[in-house]
Amino acid sequence: QERKPLKRYTVEGLVTSDVEAPALVEDADDKIIETCA
């Protein structure tokens, strides 16, 4: 269960660091959905 929040935080940090990359945001969204699923 620790992997889920860890990945989520990492993805959020990545998206926050690269806000100018919409493709990255979409990819991160997919990863979050897969992790939650």
N, C-alpha and C. Protein backbone atom coordinates (compact mmCIF):
# COMPACT_ATOMS: atom_id res chain seq x y z
N GLN A 1 0.84 -1.21 0.00
CA GLN A 1 0.00 0.00 0.00
C GLN A 1 0.87 1.26 0.00
N GLU A 2 2.14 1.13 0.41
CA GLU A 2 3.01 2.30 0.43
C GLU A 2 3.39 2.74 -0.98
N ARG A 3 3.36 1.81 -1.93
CA ARG A 3 3.74 2.15 -3.30
C ARG A 3 2.72 3.08 -3.94
N LYS A 4 1.45 2.91 -3.61
CA LYS A 4 0.42 3.76 -4.23
C LYS A 4 0.64 5.24 -3.90
N PRO A 5 0.68 5.63 -2.64
CA PRO A 5 0.89 7.06 -2.32
C PRO A 5 2.25 7.55 -2.78
N LEU A 6 3.26 6.69 -2.73
CA LEU A 6 4.61 7.09 -3.14
C LEU A 6 4.59 7.48 -4.62
N LYS A 7 4.01 6.63 -5.45
CA LYS A 7 3.93 6.93 -6.89
C LYS A 7 3.09 8.19 -7.11
N ARG A 8 2.01 8.29 -6.37
CA ARG A 8 1.11 9.43 -6.54
C ARG A 8 1.87 10.73 -6.26
N TYR A 9 2.62 10.75 -5.15
CA TYR A 9 3.38 11.96 -4.80
C TYR A 9 4.43 12.24 -5.86
N THR A 10 5.09 11.19 -6.34
CA THR A 10 6.14 11.36 -7.35
C THR A 10 5.54 11.95 -8.63
N VAL A 11 4.40 11.42 -9.03
CA VAL A 11 3.74 11.92 -10.25
C VAL A 11 3.34 13.37 -10.05
N GLU A 12 2.76 13.70 -8.90
CA GLU A 12 2.36 15.08 -8.65
C GLU A 12 3.56 16.01 -8.72
N GLY A 13 4.68 15.58 -8.12
CA GLY A 13 5.89 16.39 -8.13
C GLY A 13 6.39 16.59 -9.55
N LEU A 14 6.33 15.52 -10.35
CA LEU A 14 6.78 15.61 -11.74
C LEU A 14 5.90 16.59 -12.52
N VAL A 15 4.60 16.46 -12.35
CA VAL A 15 3.67 17.34 -13.07
C VAL A 15 3.89 18.78 -12.63
N THR A 16 4.09 18.99 -11.33
CA THR A 16 4.30 20.35 -10.82
C THR A 16 5.58 20.94 -11.38
N SER A 17 6.61 20.09 -11.54
CA SER A 17 7.90 20.57 -12.04
C SER A 17 7.81 20.89 -13.53
N ASP A 18 7.02 20.13 -14.26
CA ASP A 18 6.89 20.33 -15.71
C ASP A 18 5.45 20.65 -16.07
N VAL A 19 4.99 21.81 -15.61
CA VAL A 19 3.61 22.20 -15.89
C VAL A 19 3.44 22.53 -17.37
N GLU A 20 4.53 22.87 -18.03
CA GLU A 20 4.45 23.26 -19.44
C GLU A 20 4.39 22.05 -20.36
N ALA A 21 4.37 20.85 -19.79
CA ALA A 21 4.33 19.64 -20.61
C ALA A 21 2.97 18.96 -20.46
N PRO A 22 1.99 19.32 -21.29
CA PRO A 22 0.65 18.70 -21.21
C PRO A 22 0.69 17.20 -21.47
N ALA A 23 1.61 16.77 -22.33
CA ALA A 23 1.73 15.34 -22.61
C ALA A 23 2.13 14.59 -21.35
N LEU A 24 3.03 15.18 -20.57
CA LEU A 24 3.48 14.54 -19.33
C LEU A 24 2.32 14.46 -18.35
N VAL A 25 1.50 15.49 -18.29
CA VAL A 25 0.36 15.50 -17.38
C VAL A 25 -0.60 14.37 -17.75
N GLU A 26 -0.85 14.20 -19.05
CA GLU A 26 -1.74 13.13 -19.49
C GLU A 26 -1.16 11.77 -19.13
N ASP A 27 0.15 11.62 -19.33
CA ASP A 27 0.80 10.35 -19.02
C ASP A 27 0.71 10.09 -17.52
N ALA A 28 0.92 11.13 -16.73
CA ALA A 28 0.85 10.99 -15.27
C ALA A 28 -0.57 10.61 -14.85
N ASP A 29 -1.56 11.21 -15.50
CA ASP A 29 -2.95 10.90 -15.19
C ASP A 29 -3.22 9.41 -15.43
N ASP A 30 -2.71 8.90 -16.54
CA ASP A 30 -2.88 7.47 -16.86
C ASP A 30 -2.24 6.61 -15.78
N LYS A 31 -1.05 7.00 -15.33
CA LYS A 31 -0.34 6.21 -14.33
C LYS A 31 -1.12 6.21 -13.01
N ILE A 32 -1.69 7.37 -12.65
CA ILE A 32 -2.45 7.45 -11.41
C ILE A 32 -3.68 6.54 -11.50
N ILE A 33 -4.34 6.56 -12.65
CA ILE A 33 -5.53 5.73 -12.83
C ILE A 33 -5.15 4.25 -12.72
N GLU A 34 -4.05 3.87 -13.35
CA GLU A 34 -3.61 2.47 -13.30
C GLU A 34 -3.25 2.09 -11.87
N THR A 35 -2.59 3.00 -11.15
CA THR A 35 -2.18 2.71 -9.78
C THR A 35 -3.40 2.56 -8.88
N CYS A 36 -4.39 3.44 -9.05
CA CYS A 36 -5.59 3.36 -8.23
C CYS A 36 -6.39 2.11 -8.58
N ALA A 37 -6.41 1.77 -9.86
CA ALA A 37 -7.17 0.60 -10.29
C ALA A 37 -6.48 -0.66 -9.79
